[in-house]
C-alpha atoms as a PDB file:
ATOM      1  CA  MET A   1       1.648 -10.722  17.250  1.00  0.00           C
ATOM      2  CA  ALA A   2       5.166  -9.754  18.352  1.00  0.00           C
ATOM      3  CA  ALA A   3       6.571 -11.403  15.228  1.00  0.00           C
ATOM      4  CA  ASP A   4       4.103  -9.439  13.077  1.00  0.00           C
ATOM      5  CA  LEU A   5       5.162  -6.207  14.753  1.00  0.00           C
ATOM      6  CA  GLU A   6       8.841  -7.007  14.228  1.00  0.00           C
ATOM      7  CA  HIS A   7       8.162  -7.880  10.573  1.00  0.00           C
ATOM      8  CA  PHE A   8       6.242  -4.593  10.173  1.00  0.00           C
ATOM      9  CA  PHE A   9       9.279  -2.601  11.299  1.00  0.00           C
ATOM     10  CA  TYR A  10      11.628  -4.564   9.004  1.00  0.00           C
ATOM     11  CA  VAL A  11       9.390  -3.932   5.989  1.00  0.00           C
ATOM     12  CA  GLN A  12       9.027  -0.266   6.934  1.00  0.00           C
ATOM     13  CA  GLU A  13      12.805   0.058   7.269  1.00  0.00           C
ATOM     14  CA  ALA A  14      13.339  -1.568   3.864  1.00  0.00           C
ATOM     15  CA  LEU A  15      10.985   0.948   2.259  1.00  0.00           C
ATOM     16  CA  GLN A  16      12.821   3.810   3.994  1.00  0.00           C
ATOM     17  CA  PHE A  17      16.161   2.571   2.625  1.00  0.00           C
ATOM     18  CA  ILE A  18      14.660   2.450  -0.868  1.00  0.00           C
ATOM     19  CA  SER A  19      13.079   5.906  -0.637  1.00  0.00           C
ATOM     20  CA  SER A  20      16.302   7.435   0.712  1.00  0.00           C
ATOM     21  CA  GLY A  21      18.323   5.951  -2.148  1.00  0.00           C
ATOM     22  CA  LYS A  22      20.387   3.670   0.108  1.00  0.00           C
ATOM     23  CA  ALA A  23      18.875   0.595  -1.564  1.00  0.00           C
ATOM     24  CA  GLN A  24      17.442  -0.132  -4.984  1.00  0.00           C
ATOM     25  CA  ALA A  25      14.347  -2.128  -5.827  1.00  0.00           C
ATOM     26  CA  THR A  26      12.163  -2.762  -8.851  1.00  0.00           C
ATOM     27  CA  PRO A  27       8.669  -1.244  -8.906  1.00  0.00           C
ATOM     28  CA  GLU A  28       7.292  -4.766  -8.393  1.00  0.00           C
ATOM     29  CA  GLN A  29       9.428  -5.245  -5.276  1.00  0.00           C
ATOM     30  CA  ILE A  30       8.292  -1.887  -3.922  1.00  0.00           C
ATOM     31  CA  ASP A  31       4.642  -2.784  -4.575  1.00  0.00           C
ATOM     32  CA  SER A  32       5.163  -6.098  -2.793  1.00  0.00           C
ATOM     33  CA  LEU A  33       6.751  -4.394   0.225  1.00  0.00           C
ATOM     34  CA  GLU A  34       3.960  -1.804   0.375  1.00  0.00           C
ATOM     35  CA  GLU A  35       1.324  -4.549   0.237  1.00  0.00           C
ATOM     36  CA  ALA A  36       3.122  -6.448   3.015  1.00  0.00           C
ATOM     37  CA  LEU A  37       3.225  -3.253   5.071  1.00  0.00           C
ATOM     38  CA  ARG A  38      -0.539  -2.718   4.660  1.00  0.00           C
ATOM     39  CA  THR A  39      -1.257  -6.346   5.590  1.00  0.00           C
ATOM     40  CA  LEU A  40       0.970  -6.197   8.659  1.00  0.00           C
ATOM     41  CA  GLN A  41      -0.473  -2.818   9.647  1.00  0.00           C
ATOM     42  CA  SER A  42      -3.949  -4.308   9.795  1.00  0.00           C
ATOM     43  CA  LYS A  43      -2.652  -7.252  11.848  1.00  0.00           C
ATOM     44  CA  VAL A  44      -0.818  -5.160  14.440  1.00  0.00           C
ATOM     45  CA  GLN A  45      -3.336  -2.271  14.440  1.00  0.00           C
ATOM     46  CA  ILE A  46      -0.796   0.555  14.396  1.00  0.00           C
END
């Protein structure tokens, strides 16, 4: 559970870097990160 929560924050941070323009990603990578975020969100119940 703690690992899932930590992973959730890493994925969320990656998406924030992309949306702020500090990092670049392909649409497929963004979709993959968003899917991972949804999956982790359901696991950690945030």
